[in-house]
Amino acid sequence: MRGERGTVYLIHFHRAYHHARHYLGWTADLSERIDRHASGNGSPLVRAVTAAGIGWTVVRTWVGVTRDFERHLHKTKAGPRFCPVCLGR
C-alpha cells in the first residue's frame, strides 16, 4: 500500500563490497526484516556481503515513514550522509 507507514533502515557494511558500503531498506516489521537479512533471505546485496564474510550493522532508522521517503533517500544517494559510522559519530 502506497501510504503505508513503516521503518526505513540503513545498514553499514564493515568494509566495502565492490562499490557498496551501505544498504537502505523499508519494512513494516524491522526485527523480522533484519532476521531475514541475517539468515540470508533478505536482499541480494546483503546476502552477497554476508557470503563474502563482511559484517554489517543497522546504524540508523527512521520510524513512521513511507516508502516514498526511502525512494527519496535512494535517489539522492543520501545513505552515507546519514551514517554515524562514516561520519565518525
N, C-alpha and C. Protein backbone atom coordinates (compact mmCIF):
# COMPACT_ATOMS: atom_id res chain seq x y z
N MET A 1 0.84 -1.18 0.00
CA MET A 1 0.00 0.00 0.00
C MET A 1 0.89 1.25 0.00
N ARG A 2 0.62 2.15 -0.86
CA ARG A 2 1.49 3.30 -1.10
C ARG A 2 1.69 4.18 0.13
N GLY A 3 0.65 4.47 0.90
CA GLY A 3 0.78 5.35 2.04
C GLY A 3 1.10 4.66 3.35
N GLU A 4 1.35 3.34 3.28
CA GLU A 4 1.63 2.59 4.49
C GLU A 4 2.89 3.13 5.18
N ARG A 5 2.82 3.21 6.48
CA ARG A 5 3.95 3.70 7.27
C ARG A 5 4.75 2.52 7.80
N GLY A 6 6.04 2.70 7.87
CA GLY A 6 6.94 1.66 8.37
C GLY A 6 8.24 2.28 8.80
N THR A 7 9.30 1.52 8.66
CA THR A 7 10.63 1.96 9.08
C THR A 7 11.60 1.87 7.92
N VAL A 8 12.32 2.95 7.70
CA VAL A 8 13.46 2.93 6.78
C VAL A 8 14.69 2.67 7.64
N TYR A 9 15.57 1.80 7.18
CA TYR A 9 16.76 1.45 7.95
C TYR A 9 17.99 1.52 7.07
N LEU A 10 19.10 1.86 7.69
CA LEU A 10 20.37 1.98 7.00
C LEU A 10 21.34 0.96 7.58
N ILE A 11 21.86 0.09 6.72
CA ILE A 11 22.85 -0.90 7.12
C ILE A 11 24.22 -0.41 6.63
N HIS A 12 25.19 -0.45 7.53
CA HIS A 12 26.58 -0.10 7.19
C HIS A 12 27.38 -1.39 7.10
N PHE A 13 28.08 -1.58 5.98
CA PHE A 13 28.95 -2.75 5.82
C PHE A 13 30.29 -2.45 6.47
N HIS A 14 30.83 -3.41 7.18
CA HIS A 14 32.09 -3.20 7.91
C HIS A 14 33.27 -2.93 7.00
N ARG A 15 33.16 -3.36 5.76
CA ARG A 15 34.11 -2.94 4.72
C ARG A 15 33.34 -2.94 3.40
N ALA A 16 33.86 -2.23 2.43
CA ALA A 16 33.15 -2.08 1.16
C ALA A 16 33.01 -3.43 0.44
N TYR A 17 31.91 -3.60 -0.23
CA TYR A 17 31.69 -4.73 -1.11
C TYR A 17 31.59 -4.14 -2.52
N HIS A 18 32.65 -4.30 -3.29
CA HIS A 18 32.79 -3.62 -4.58
C HIS A 18 32.60 -2.12 -4.33
N HIS A 19 31.55 -1.52 -4.85
CA HIS A 19 31.32 -0.09 -4.66
C HIS A 19 30.46 0.20 -3.44
N ALA A 20 29.80 -0.80 -2.91
CA ALA A 20 28.77 -0.58 -1.89
C ALA A 20 29.32 -0.57 -0.47
N ARG A 21 28.86 0.39 0.31
CA ARG A 21 29.19 0.45 1.74
C ARG A 21 27.93 0.45 2.60
N HIS A 22 26.76 0.59 1.96
CA HIS A 22 25.51 0.70 2.70
C HIS A 22 24.38 0.00 1.96
N TYR A 23 23.36 -0.33 2.73
CA TYR A 23 22.10 -0.80 2.17
C TYR A 23 21.00 -0.03 2.86
N LEU A 24 20.06 0.47 2.09
CA LEU A 24 18.94 1.23 2.62
C LEU A 24 17.67 0.47 2.28
N GLY A 25 16.83 0.23 3.27
CA GLY A 25 15.60 -0.51 3.02
C GLY A 25 14.42 0.04 3.80
N TRP A 26 13.23 -0.44 3.44
CA TRP A 26 11.98 -0.07 4.11
C TRP A 26 11.30 -1.36 4.52
N THR A 27 10.66 -1.33 5.68
CA THR A 27 9.91 -2.51 6.14
C THR A 27 8.79 -2.09 7.07
N ALA A 28 7.77 -2.92 7.14
CA ALA A 28 6.71 -2.72 8.12
C ALA A 28 7.05 -3.39 9.44
N ASP A 29 8.03 -4.32 9.43
CA ASP A 29 8.42 -5.05 10.64
C ASP A 29 9.95 -5.16 10.66
N LEU A 30 10.60 -4.25 11.36
CA LEU A 30 12.06 -4.15 11.33
C LEU A 30 12.74 -5.41 11.85
N SER A 31 12.33 -5.93 12.98
CA SER A 31 13.03 -7.09 13.54
C SER A 31 12.92 -8.30 12.61
N GLU A 32 11.76 -8.51 12.00
CA GLU A 32 11.59 -9.63 11.07
C GLU A 32 12.47 -9.43 9.84
N ARG A 33 12.55 -8.22 9.34
CA ARG A 33 13.35 -7.95 8.14
C ARG A 33 14.84 -8.14 8.42
N ILE A 34 15.30 -7.67 9.57
CA ILE A 34 16.71 -7.84 9.91
C ILE A 34 17.03 -9.33 10.09
N ASP A 35 16.11 -10.07 10.71
CA ASP A 35 16.30 -11.52 10.83
C ASP A 35 16.42 -12.17 9.45
N ARG A 36 15.61 -11.71 8.49
CA ARG A 36 15.69 -12.25 7.13
C ARG A 36 17.04 -11.94 6.50
N HIS A 37 17.52 -10.71 6.68
CA HIS A 37 18.85 -10.38 6.16
C HIS A 37 19.90 -11.29 6.80
N ALA A 38 19.85 -11.45 8.11
CA ALA A 38 20.85 -12.24 8.84
C ALA A 38 20.84 -13.71 8.43
N SER A 39 19.68 -14.22 8.05
CA SER A 39 19.59 -15.63 7.67
C SER A 39 19.87 -15.87 6.18
N GLY A 40 20.17 -14.79 5.45
CA GLY A 40 20.46 -14.93 4.03
C GLY A 40 19.25 -14.88 3.13
N ASN A 41 18.10 -14.50 3.68
CA ASN A 41 16.86 -14.43 2.89
C ASN A 41 16.40 -13.01 2.67
N GLY A 42 17.29 -12.06 2.84
CA GLY A 42 16.95 -10.65 2.63
C GLY A 42 17.30 -10.23 1.22
N SER A 43 17.84 -9.06 1.08
CA SER A 43 18.18 -8.53 -0.23
C SER A 43 19.38 -9.25 -0.83
N PRO A 44 19.46 -9.29 -2.15
CA PRO A 44 20.63 -9.91 -2.79
C PRO A 44 21.94 -9.24 -2.39
N LEU A 45 21.95 -7.92 -2.22
CA LEU A 45 23.19 -7.25 -1.84
C LEU A 45 23.66 -7.67 -0.46
N VAL A 46 22.76 -7.66 0.52
CA VAL A 46 23.16 -8.04 1.88
C VAL A 46 23.54 -9.51 1.91
N ARG A 47 22.88 -10.34 1.13
CA ARG A 47 23.24 -11.76 1.04
C ARG A 47 24.66 -11.91 0.50
N ALA A 48 25.00 -11.16 -0.55
CA ALA A 48 26.34 -11.23 -1.14
C ALA A 48 27.40 -10.71 -0.17
N VAL A 49 27.08 -9.65 0.54
CA VAL A 49 28.01 -9.09 1.53
C VAL A 49 28.29 -10.12 2.62
N THR A 50 27.24 -10.74 3.11
CA THR A 50 27.39 -11.76 4.16
C THR A 50 28.19 -12.95 3.64
N ALA A 51 27.89 -13.40 2.42
CA ALA A 51 28.61 -14.53 1.84
C ALA A 51 30.09 -14.22 1.63
N ALA A 52 30.40 -12.94 1.44
CA ALA A 52 31.81 -12.53 1.27
C ALA A 52 32.53 -12.39 2.61
N GLY A 53 31.82 -12.68 3.70
CA GLY A 53 32.43 -12.62 5.02
C GLY A 53 32.53 -11.21 5.60
N ILE A 54 31.74 -10.32 5.05
CA ILE A 54 31.73 -8.93 5.52
C ILE A 54 30.59 -8.77 6.52
N GLY A 55 30.92 -8.25 7.69
CA GLY A 55 29.89 -7.99 8.69
C GLY A 55 29.13 -6.72 8.37
N TRP A 56 27.99 -6.57 9.01
CA TRP A 56 27.19 -5.37 8.81
C TRP A 56 26.40 -5.06 10.06
N THR A 57 25.99 -3.81 10.18
CA THR A 57 25.26 -3.34 11.34
C THR A 57 24.19 -2.36 10.91
N VAL A 58 23.02 -2.46 11.53
CA VAL A 58 21.99 -1.43 11.33
C VAL A 58 22.42 -0.22 12.14
N VAL A 59 22.63 0.91 11.46
CA VAL A 59 23.18 2.08 12.15
C VAL A 59 22.21 3.25 12.26
N ARG A 60 21.09 3.19 11.53
CA ARG A 60 20.15 4.30 11.58
C ARG A 60 18.78 3.80 11.18
N THR A 61 17.75 4.34 11.82
CA THR A 61 16.37 4.03 11.44
C THR A 61 15.55 5.31 11.43
N TRP A 62 14.54 5.32 10.60
CA TRP A 62 13.54 6.38 10.55
C TRP A 62 12.19 5.67 10.69
N VAL A 63 11.51 5.89 11.77
CA VAL A 63 10.27 5.18 12.09
C VAL A 63 9.06 6.03 11.67
N GLY A 64 8.02 5.36 11.17
CA GLY A 64 6.77 6.03 10.83
C GLY A 64 6.82 6.77 9.51
N VAL A 65 7.62 6.26 8.56
CA VAL A 65 7.76 6.91 7.26
C VAL A 65 7.25 5.98 6.15
N THR A 66 7.03 6.55 4.99
CA THR A 66 6.52 5.78 3.85
C THR A 66 7.66 5.33 2.95
N ARG A 67 7.31 4.49 2.00
CA ARG A 67 8.29 4.04 1.00
C ARG A 67 8.79 5.21 0.17
N ASP A 68 7.96 6.22 0.01
CA ASP A 68 8.40 7.40 -0.74
C ASP A 68 9.62 8.03 -0.10
N PHE A 69 9.70 8.03 1.22
CA PHE A 69 10.86 8.57 1.91
C PHE A 69 12.10 7.74 1.57
N GLU A 70 11.95 6.42 1.58
CA GLU A 70 13.08 5.56 1.22
C GLU A 70 13.52 5.84 -0.21
N ARG A 71 12.56 5.97 -1.13
CA ARG A 71 12.90 6.25 -2.53
C ARG A 71 13.65 7.58 -2.65
N HIS A 72 13.23 8.56 -1.89
CA HIS A 72 13.91 9.86 -1.91
C HIS A 72 15.37 9.70 -1.47
N LEU A 73 15.60 8.96 -0.39
CA LEU A 73 16.97 8.74 0.08
C LEU A 73 17.79 8.00 -0.97
N HIS A 74 17.18 7.01 -1.63
CA HIS A 74 17.87 6.26 -2.68
C HIS A 74 18.26 7.19 -3.83
N LYS A 75 17.29 7.96 -4.31
CA LYS A 75 17.53 8.84 -5.45
C LYS A 75 18.63 9.84 -5.19
N THR A 76 18.69 10.33 -3.97
CA THR A 76 19.69 11.35 -3.65
C THR A 76 20.99 10.74 -3.13
N LYS A 77 21.04 9.40 -3.11
CA LYS A 77 22.23 8.67 -2.62
C LYS A 77 22.66 9.21 -1.25
N ALA A 78 21.66 9.35 -0.37
CA ALA A 78 21.87 10.01 0.92
C ALA A 78 22.39 9.09 2.02
N GLY A 79 22.46 7.80 1.79
CA GLY A 79 22.89 6.88 2.84
C GLY A 79 24.14 7.31 3.59
N PRO A 80 25.24 7.54 2.89
CA PRO A 80 26.48 7.92 3.60
C PRO A 80 26.37 9.20 4.42
N ARG A 81 25.52 10.12 3.99
CA ARG A 81 25.35 11.39 4.72
C ARG A 81 24.66 11.20 6.07
N PHE A 82 23.98 10.07 6.22
CA PHE A 82 23.27 9.79 7.46
C PHE A 82 23.91 8.67 8.28
N CYS A 83 25.03 8.15 7.83
CA CYS A 83 25.67 7.02 8.52
C CYS A 83 26.57 7.53 9.64
N PRO A 84 26.23 7.23 10.90
CA PRO A 84 27.07 7.70 12.01
C PRO A 84 28.47 7.09 12.00
N VAL A 85 28.62 5.90 11.44
CA VAL A 85 29.95 5.28 11.37
C VAL A 85 30.83 6.07 10.40
N CYS A 86 30.31 6.35 9.24
CA CYS A 86 31.09 7.10 8.23
C CYS A 86 31.35 8.54 8.67
N LEU A 87 30.44 9.09 9.45
CA LEU A 87 30.60 10.47 9.93
C LEU A 87 31.44 10.54 11.21
N GLY A 88 31.84 9.38 11.72
CA GLY A 88 32.67 9.35 12.91
C GLY A 88 31.94 9.70 14.20
N ARG A 89 30.66 9.39 14.24
CA ARG A 89 29.85 9.68 15.44
C ARG A 89 29.60 8.46 16.27
